[in-house]
């Protein structure tokens, strides 16, 4: 459950994706952020 771990990451995080990335779509990047 990656989302649970994201909630516990109390440090600055930058999330990046390629504009045409189907593995990490924009909706998931925003949800992760």
ModelCIF file with pLDDT and N, C-alpha, C, O atoms, coordinates in Angstrom:
data_MODEL
#
_entry.id   MODEL 
#
_entity.id                         1 
_entity.type                       polymer 
_entity.pdbx_number_of_molecules   1 
#
_entity_poly.entity_id                      1 
_entity_poly.type                           'polypeptide(L)' 
_entity_poly.nstd_linkage                   no 
_entity_poly.nstd_monomer                   no 
_entity_poly.pdbx_seq_one_letter_code       
;(UNK)(UNK)(UNK)(UNK)(UNK)(UNK)(UNK)(UNK)(UNK)(UNK)(UNK)(UNK)(UNK)(UNK)(UNK)(UNK)
(UNK)(UNK)(UNK)(UNK)(UNK)(UNK)(UNK)(UNK)(UNK)(UNK)(UNK)(UNK)(UNK)(UNK)(UNK)(UNK)
(UNK)
;
_entity_poly.pdbx_seq_one_letter_code_can   XXXXXXXXXXXXXXXXXXXXXXXXXXXXXXXXX 
_entity_poly.pdbx_strand_id                 A 
#
loop_
_entity_poly_seq.entity_id 
_entity_poly_seq.num 
_entity_poly_seq.mon_id 
_entity_poly_seq.hetero 
1 1  UNK n 
1 2  UNK n 
1 3  UNK n 
1 4  UNK n 
1 5  UNK n 
1 6  UNK n 
1 7  UNK n 
1 8  UNK n 
1 9  UNK n 
1 10 UNK n 
1 11 UNK n 
1 12 UNK n 
1 13 UNK n 
1 14 UNK n 
1 15 UNK n 
1 16 UNK n 
1 17 UNK n 
1 18 UNK n 
1 19 UNK n 
1 20 UNK n 
1 21 UNK n 
1 22 UNK n 
1 23 UNK n 
1 24 UNK n 
1 25 UNK n 
1 26 UNK n 
1 27 UNK n 
1 28 UNK n 
1 29 UNK n 
1 30 UNK n 
1 31 UNK n 
1 32 UNK n 
1 33 UNK n 
#
_struct_asym.id          A 
_struct_asym.entity_id   1 
#
loop_
_ma_qa_metric.id 
_ma_qa_metric.mode 
_ma_qa_metric.name 
_ma_qa_metric.software_group_id 
_ma_qa_metric.type 
1 global pLDDT . pLDDT 
2 local  pLDDT . pLDDT 
#
_ma_qa_metric_global.metric_id      1 
_ma_qa_metric_global.metric_value   96.33 
_ma_qa_metric_global.model_id       1 
_ma_qa_metric_global.ordinal_id     1 
#
loop_
_ma_qa_metric_local.label_asym_id 
_ma_qa_metric_local.label_comp_id 
_ma_qa_metric_local.label_seq_id 
_ma_qa_metric_local.metric_id 
_ma_qa_metric_local.metric_value 
_ma_qa_metric_local.model_id 
_ma_qa_metric_local.ordinal_id 
A UNK 1  2 87.00 1 1  
A UNK 2  2 92.00 1 2  
A UNK 3  2 94.00 1 3  
A UNK 4  2 94.00 1 4  
A UNK 5  2 95.00 1 5  
A UNK 6  2 97.00 1 6  
A UNK 7  2 96.00 1 7  
A UNK 8  2 96.00 1 8  
A UNK 9  2 97.00 1 9  
A UNK 10 2 96.00 1 10 
A UNK 11 2 97.00 1 11 
A UNK 12 2 97.00 1 12 
A UNK 13 2 98.00 1 13 
A UNK 14 2 98.00 1 14 
A UNK 15 2 98.00 1 15 
A UNK 16 2 98.00 1 16 
A UNK 17 2 98.00 1 17 
A UNK 18 2 97.00 1 18 
A UNK 19 2 97.00 1 19 
A UNK 20 2 97.00 1 20 
A UNK 21 2 97.00 1 21 
A UNK 22 2 97.00 1 22 
A UNK 23 2 96.00 1 23 
A UNK 24 2 97.00 1 24 
A UNK 25 2 97.00 1 25 
A UNK 26 2 97.00 1 26 
A UNK 27 2 97.00 1 27 
A UNK 28 2 97.00 1 28 
A UNK 29 2 97.00 1 29 
A UNK 30 2 97.00 1 30 
A UNK 31 2 97.00 1 31 
A UNK 32 2 97.00 1 32 
A UNK 33 2 97.00 1 33 
#
loop_
_atom_site.group_PDB 
_atom_site.id 
_atom_site.type_symbol 
_atom_site.label_atom_id 
_atom_site.label_alt_id 
_atom_site.label_comp_id 
_atom_site.label_asym_id 
_atom_site.label_entity_id 
_atom_site.label_seq_id 
_atom_site.pdbx_PDB_ins_code 
_atom_site.Cartn_x 
_atom_site.Cartn_y 
_atom_site.Cartn_z 
_atom_site.occupancy 
_atom_site.B_iso_or_equiv 
_atom_site.pdbx_formal_charge 
_atom_site.auth_seq_id 
_atom_site.auth_comp_id 
_atom_site.auth_asym_id 
_atom_site.auth_atom_id 
_atom_site.pdbx_PDB_model_num 
ATOM 1   N N  . UNK A 1 1  ? 0.854  -1.187 0.000   1.00 87.00 ? 1  UNK A N  1 
ATOM 2   C CA . UNK A 1 1  ? 0.000  0.000  0.000   1.00 87.00 ? 1  UNK A CA 1 
ATOM 3   C C  . UNK A 1 1  ? 0.890  1.237  0.000   1.00 87.00 ? 1  UNK A C  1 
ATOM 4   O O  . UNK A 1 1  ? 1.257  1.750  1.057   1.00 87.00 ? 1  UNK A O  1 
ATOM 5   N N  . UNK A 1 2  ? 1.229  1.705  -1.184  1.00 92.00 ? 2  UNK A N  1 
ATOM 6   C CA . UNK A 1 2  ? 2.151  2.825  -1.303  1.00 92.00 ? 2  UNK A CA 1 
ATOM 7   C C  . UNK A 1 2  ? 1.559  4.100  -0.724  1.00 92.00 ? 2  UNK A C  1 
ATOM 8   O O  . UNK A 1 2  ? 2.298  4.946  -0.220  1.00 92.00 ? 2  UNK A O  1 
ATOM 9   N N  . UNK A 1 3  ? 0.231  4.257  -0.786  1.00 94.00 ? 3  UNK A N  1 
ATOM 10  C CA . UNK A 1 3  ? -0.394 5.479  -0.295  1.00 94.00 ? 3  UNK A CA 1 
ATOM 11  C C  . UNK A 1 3  ? -0.222 5.637  1.213   1.00 94.00 ? 3  UNK A C  1 
ATOM 12  O O  . UNK A 1 3  ? -0.028 6.751  1.700   1.00 94.00 ? 3  UNK A O  1 
ATOM 13  N N  . UNK A 1 4  ? -0.293 4.537  1.953   1.00 94.00 ? 4  UNK A N  1 
ATOM 14  C CA . UNK A 1 4  ? -0.063 4.610  3.392   1.00 94.00 ? 4  UNK A CA 1 
ATOM 15  C C  . UNK A 1 4  ? 1.343  5.104  3.693   1.00 94.00 ? 4  UNK A C  1 
ATOM 16  O O  . UNK A 1 4  ? 1.544  5.895  4.614   1.00 94.00 ? 4  UNK A O  1 
ATOM 17  N N  . UNK A 1 5  ? 2.309  4.641  2.922   1.00 95.00 ? 5  UNK A N  1 
ATOM 18  C CA . UNK A 1 5  ? 3.701  5.056  3.146   1.00 95.00 ? 5  UNK A CA 1 
ATOM 19  C C  . UNK A 1 5  ? 3.903  6.520  2.756   1.00 95.00 ? 5  UNK A C  1 
ATOM 20  O O  . UNK A 1 5  ? 4.673  7.231  3.402   1.00 95.00 ? 5  UNK A O  1 
ATOM 21  N N  . UNK A 1 6  ? 3.225  6.969  1.715   1.00 97.00 ? 6  UNK A N  1 
ATOM 22  C CA . UNK A 1 6  ? 3.340  8.368  1.325   1.00 97.00 ? 6  UNK A CA 1 
ATOM 23  C C  . UNK A 1 6  ? 2.880  9.277  2.464   1.00 97.00 ? 6  UNK A C  1 
ATOM 24  O O  . UNK A 1 6  ? 3.486  10.320 2.709   1.00 97.00 ? 6  UNK A O  1 
ATOM 25  N N  . UNK A 1 7  ? 1.823  8.890  3.150   1.00 96.00 ? 7  UNK A N  1 
ATOM 26  C CA . UNK A 1 7  ? 1.308  9.708  4.258   1.00 96.00 ? 7  UNK A CA 1 
ATOM 27  C C  . UNK A 1 7  ? 2.320  9.830  5.392   1.00 96.00 ? 7  UNK A C  1 
ATOM 28  O O  . UNK A 1 7  ? 2.276  10.788 6.164   1.00 96.00 ? 7  UNK A O  1 
ATOM 29  N N  . UNK A 1 8  ? 3.229  8.865  5.496   1.00 96.00 ? 8  UNK A N  1 
ATOM 30  C CA . UNK A 1 8  ? 4.212  8.861  6.584   1.00 96.00 ? 8  UNK A CA 1 
ATOM 31  C C  . UNK A 1 8  ? 5.527  9.537  6.199   1.00 96.00 ? 8  UNK A C  1 
ATOM 32  O O  . UNK A 1 8  ? 6.453  9.594  7.008   1.00 96.00 ? 8  UNK A O  1 
ATOM 33  N N  . UNK A 1 9  ? 5.614  10.042 4.989   1.00 97.00 ? 9  UNK A N  1 
ATOM 34  C CA . UNK A 1 9  ? 6.859  10.658 4.511   1.00 97.00 ? 9  UNK A CA 1 
ATOM 35  C C  . UNK A 1 9  ? 6.861  12.149 4.851   1.00 97.00 ? 9  UNK A C  1 
ATOM 36  O O  . UNK A 1 9  ? 6.371  12.970 4.075   1.00 97.00 ? 9  UNK A O  1 
ATOM 37  N N  . UNK A 1 10 ? 7.408  12.487 5.998   1.00 96.00 ? 10 UNK A N  1 
ATOM 38  C CA . UNK A 1 10 ? 7.430  13.873 6.460   1.00 96.00 ? 10 UNK A CA 1 
ATOM 39  C C  . UNK A 1 10 ? 8.736  14.538 6.042   1.00 96.00 ? 10 UNK A C  1 
ATOM 40  O O  . UNK A 1 10 ? 9.597  14.839 6.869   1.00 96.00 ? 10 UNK A O  1 
ATOM 41  N N  . UNK A 1 11 ? 8.859  14.758 4.735   1.00 97.00 ? 11 UNK A N  1 
ATOM 42  C CA . UNK A 1 11 ? 10.029 15.387 4.150   1.00 97.00 ? 11 UNK A CA 1 
ATOM 43  C C  . UNK A 1 11 ? 9.618  15.965 2.808   1.00 97.00 ? 11 UNK A C  1 
ATOM 44  O O  . UNK A 1 11 ? 8.599  15.549 2.256   1.00 97.00 ? 11 UNK A O  1 
ATOM 45  N N  . UNK A 1 12 ? 10.377 16.911 2.262   1.00 97.00 ? 12 UNK A N  1 
ATOM 46  C CA . UNK A 1 12 ? 10.026 17.466 0.951   1.00 97.00 ? 12 UNK A CA 1 
ATOM 47  C C  . UNK A 1 12 ? 10.124 16.397 -0.140  1.00 97.00 ? 12 UNK A C  1 
ATOM 48  O O  . UNK A 1 12 ? 11.103 15.655 -0.213  1.00 97.00 ? 12 UNK A O  1 
ATOM 49  N N  . UNK A 1 13 ? 9.095  16.334 -0.984  1.00 98.00 ? 13 UNK A N  1 
ATOM 50  C CA . UNK A 1 13 ? 9.046  15.337 -2.053  1.00 98.00 ? 13 UNK A CA 1 
ATOM 51  C C  . UNK A 1 13 ? 8.663  16.012 -3.370  1.00 98.00 ? 13 UNK A C  1 
ATOM 52  O O  . UNK A 1 13 ? 7.723  16.805 -3.434  1.00 98.00 ? 13 UNK A O  1 
ATOM 53  N N  . UNK A 1 14 ? 9.413  15.676 -4.412  1.00 98.00 ? 14 UNK A N  1 
ATOM 54  C CA . UNK A 1 14 ? 9.101  16.117 -5.772  1.00 98.00 ? 14 UNK A CA 1 
ATOM 55  C C  . UNK A 1 14 ? 8.648  14.909 -6.575  1.00 98.00 ? 14 UNK A C  1 
ATOM 56  O O  . UNK A 1 14 ? 9.356  13.905 -6.643  1.00 98.00 ? 14 UNK A O  1 
ATOM 57  N N  . UNK A 1 15 ? 7.466  15.002 -7.186  1.00 98.00 ? 15 UNK A N  1 
ATOM 58  C CA . UNK A 1 15 ? 6.950  13.943 -8.044  1.00 98.00 ? 15 UNK A CA 1 
ATOM 59  C C  . UNK A 1 15 ? 7.029  14.395 -9.492  1.00 98.00 ? 15 UNK A C  1 
ATOM 60  O O  . UNK A 1 15 ? 6.553  15.475 -9.841  1.00 98.00 ? 15 UNK A O  1 
ATOM 61  N N  . UNK A 1 16 ? 7.633  13.565 -10.335 1.00 98.00 ? 16 UNK A N  1 
ATOM 62  C CA . UNK A 1 16 ? 7.822  13.880 -11.747 1.00 98.00 ? 16 UNK A CA 1 
ATOM 63  C C  . UNK A 1 16 ? 7.261  12.754 -12.611 1.00 98.00 ? 16 UNK A C  1 
ATOM 64  O O  . UNK A 1 16 ? 7.260  11.591 -12.210 1.00 98.00 ? 16 UNK A O  1 
ATOM 65  N N  . UNK A 1 17 ? 6.789  13.111 -13.789 1.00 98.00 ? 17 UNK A N  1 
ATOM 66  C CA . UNK A 1 17 ? 6.383  12.120 -14.778 1.00 98.00 ? 17 UNK A CA 1 
ATOM 67  C C  . UNK A 1 17 ? 6.615  12.696 -16.165 1.00 98.00 ? 17 UNK A C  1 
ATOM 68  O O  . UNK A 1 17 ? 6.645  13.912 -16.354 1.00 98.00 ? 17 UNK A O  1 
ATOM 69  N N  . UNK A 1 18 ? 6.780  11.795 -17.137 1.00 97.00 ? 18 UNK A N  1 
ATOM 70  C CA . UNK A 1 18 ? 6.798  12.220 -18.518 1.00 97.00 ? 18 UNK A CA 1 
ATOM 71  C C  . UNK A 1 18 ? 5.379  12.490 -18.983 1.00 97.00 ? 18 UNK A C  1 
ATOM 72  O O  . UNK A 1 18 ? 4.447  11.815 -18.547 1.00 97.00 ? 18 UNK A O  1 
ATOM 73  N N  . UNK A 1 19 ? 5.205  13.454 -19.849 1.00 97.00 ? 19 UNK A N  1 
ATOM 74  C CA . UNK A 1 19 ? 3.858  13.848 -20.273 1.00 97.00 ? 19 UNK A CA 1 
ATOM 75  C C  . UNK A 1 19 ? 3.090  12.678 -20.897 1.00 97.00 ? 19 UNK A C  1 
ATOM 76  O O  . UNK A 1 19 ? 1.865  12.625 -20.787 1.00 97.00 ? 19 UNK A O  1 
ATOM 77  N N  . UNK A 1 20 ? 3.778  11.754 -21.541 1.00 97.00 ? 20 UNK A N  1 
ATOM 78  C CA . UNK A 1 20 ? 3.098  10.632 -22.181 1.00 97.00 ? 20 UNK A CA 1 
ATOM 79  C C  . UNK A 1 20 ? 3.226  9.328  -21.421 1.00 97.00 ? 20 UNK A C  1 
ATOM 80  O O  . UNK A 1 20 ? 3.096  8.260  -22.019 1.00 97.00 ? 20 UNK A O  1 
ATOM 81  N N  . UNK A 1 21 ? 3.475  9.378  -20.120 1.00 97.00 ? 21 UNK A N  1 
ATOM 82  C CA . UNK A 1 21 ? 3.724  8.174  -19.316 1.00 97.00 ? 21 UNK A CA 1 
ATOM 83  C C  . UNK A 1 21 ? 2.411  7.467  -18.965 1.00 97.00 ? 21 UNK A C  1 
ATOM 84  O O  . UNK A 1 21 ? 1.629  8.004  -18.181 1.00 97.00 ? 21 UNK A O  1 
ATOM 85  N N  . UNK A 1 22 ? 2.145  6.270  -19.525 1.00 97.00 ? 22 UNK A N  1 
ATOM 86  C CA . UNK A 1 22 ? 0.929  5.540  -19.169 1.00 97.00 ? 22 UNK A CA 1 
ATOM 87  C C  . UNK A 1 22 ? 1.072  4.742  -17.869 1.00 97.00 ? 22 UNK A C  1 
ATOM 88  O O  . UNK A 1 22 ? 0.067  4.325  -17.293 1.00 97.00 ? 22 UNK A O  1 
ATOM 89  N N  . UNK A 1 23 ? 2.300  4.527  -17.401 1.00 96.00 ? 23 UNK A N  1 
ATOM 90  C CA . UNK A 1 23 ? 2.524  3.778  -16.166 1.00 96.00 ? 23 UNK A CA 1 
ATOM 91  C C  . UNK A 1 23 ? 2.206  4.638  -14.945 1.00 96.00 ? 23 UNK A C  1 
ATOM 92  O O  . UNK A 1 23 ? 1.656  4.151  -13.957 1.00 96.00 ? 23 UNK A O  1 
ATOM 93  N N  . UNK A 1 24 ? 2.555  5.909  -15.023 1.00 97.00 ? 24 UNK A N  1 
ATOM 94  C CA . UNK A 1 24 ? 2.279  6.862  -13.942 1.00 97.00 ? 24 UNK A CA 1 
ATOM 95  C C  . UNK A 1 24 ? 1.474  8.022  -14.521 1.00 97.00 ? 24 UNK A C  1 
ATOM 96  O O  . UNK A 1 24 ? 2.037  9.085  -14.781 1.00 97.00 ? 24 UNK A O  1 
ATOM 97  N N  . UNK A 1 25 ? 0.166  7.840  -14.728 1.00 97.00 ? 25 UNK A N  1 
ATOM 98  C CA . UNK A 1 25 ? -0.653 8.899  -15.323 1.00 97.00 ? 25 UNK A CA 1 
ATOM 99  C C  . UNK A 1 25 ? -0.784 10.109 -14.401 1.00 97.00 ? 25 UNK A C  1 
ATOM 100 O O  . UNK A 1 25 ? -0.514 10.020 -13.203 1.00 97.00 ? 25 UNK A O  1 
ATOM 101 N N  . UNK A 1 26 ? -1.198 11.234 -14.968 1.00 97.00 ? 26 UNK A N  1 
ATOM 102 C CA . UNK A 1 26 ? -1.273 12.482 -14.220 1.00 97.00 ? 26 UNK A CA 1 
ATOM 103 C C  . UNK A 1 26 ? -2.219 12.371 -13.023 1.00 97.00 ? 26 UNK A C  1 
ATOM 104 O O  . UNK A 1 26 ? -1.937 12.913 -11.954 1.00 97.00 ? 26 UNK A O  1 
ATOM 105 N N  . UNK A 1 27 ? -3.339 11.671 -13.202 1.00 97.00 ? 27 UNK A N  1 
ATOM 106 C CA . UNK A 1 27 ? -4.298 11.521 -12.101 1.00 97.00 ? 27 UNK A CA 1 
ATOM 107 C C  . UNK A 1 27 ? -3.655 10.835 -10.897 1.00 97.00 ? 27 UNK A C  1 
ATOM 108 O O  . UNK A 1 27 ? -3.916 11.214 -9.755  1.00 97.00 ? 27 UNK A O  1 
ATOM 109 N N  . UNK A 1 28 ? -2.810 9.820  -11.150 1.00 97.00 ? 28 UNK A N  1 
ATOM 110 C CA . UNK A 1 28 ? -2.131 9.132  -10.058 1.00 97.00 ? 28 UNK A CA 1 
ATOM 111 C C  . UNK A 1 28 ? -1.069 10.034 -9.436  1.00 97.00 ? 28 UNK A C  1 
ATOM 112 O O  . UNK A 1 28 ? -0.893 10.024 -8.218  1.00 97.00 ? 28 UNK A O  1 
ATOM 113 N N  . UNK A 1 29 ? -0.361 10.814 -10.251 1.00 97.00 ? 29 UNK A N  1 
ATOM 114 C CA . UNK A 1 29 ? 0.649  11.712 -9.706  1.00 97.00 ? 29 UNK A CA 1 
ATOM 115 C C  . UNK A 1 29 ? 0.003  12.713 -8.738  1.00 97.00 ? 29 UNK A C  1 
ATOM 116 O O  . UNK A 1 29 ? 0.532  12.976 -7.658  1.00 97.00 ? 29 UNK A O  1 
ATOM 117 N N  . UNK A 1 30 ? -1.137 13.260 -9.138  1.00 97.00 ? 30 UNK A N  1 
ATOM 118 C CA . UNK A 1 30 ? -1.823 14.230 -8.283  1.00 97.00 ? 30 UNK A CA 1 
ATOM 119 C C  . UNK A 1 30 ? -2.382 13.559 -7.026  1.00 97.00 ? 30 UNK A C  1 
ATOM 120 O O  . UNK A 1 30 ? -2.351 14.140 -5.941  1.00 97.00 ? 30 UNK A O  1 
ATOM 121 N N  . UNK A 1 31 ? -2.886 12.352 -7.175  1.00 97.00 ? 31 UNK A N  1 
ATOM 122 C CA . UNK A 1 31 ? -3.396 11.615 -6.021  1.00 97.00 ? 31 UNK A CA 1 
ATOM 123 C C  . UNK A 1 31 ? -2.261 11.315 -5.044  1.00 97.00 ? 31 UNK A C  1 
ATOM 124 O O  . UNK A 1 31 ? -2.424 11.459 -3.832  1.00 97.00 ? 31 UNK A O  1 
ATOM 125 N N  . UNK A 1 32 ? -1.113 10.900 -5.573  1.00 97.00 ? 32 UNK A N  1 
ATOM 126 C CA . UNK A 1 32 ? 0.038  10.623 -4.715  1.00 97.00 ? 32 UNK A CA 1 
ATOM 127 C C  . UNK A 1 32 ? 0.484  11.893 -3.996  1.00 97.00 ? 32 UNK A C  1 
ATOM 128 O O  . UNK A 1 32 ? 0.793  11.861 -2.805  1.00 97.00 ? 32 UNK A O  1 
ATOM 129 N N  . UNK A 1 33 ? 0.518  13.008 -4.719  1.00 97.00 ? 33 UNK A N  1 
ATOM 130 C CA . UNK A 1 33 ? 0.929  14.271 -4.112  1.00 97.00 ? 33 UNK A CA 1 
ATOM 131 C C  . UNK A 1 33 ? -0.012 14.671 -2.983  1.00 97.00 ? 33 UNK A C  1 
ATOM 132 O O  . UNK A 1 33 ? 0.183  15.712 -2.356  1.00 97.00 ? 33 UNK A O  1 
#
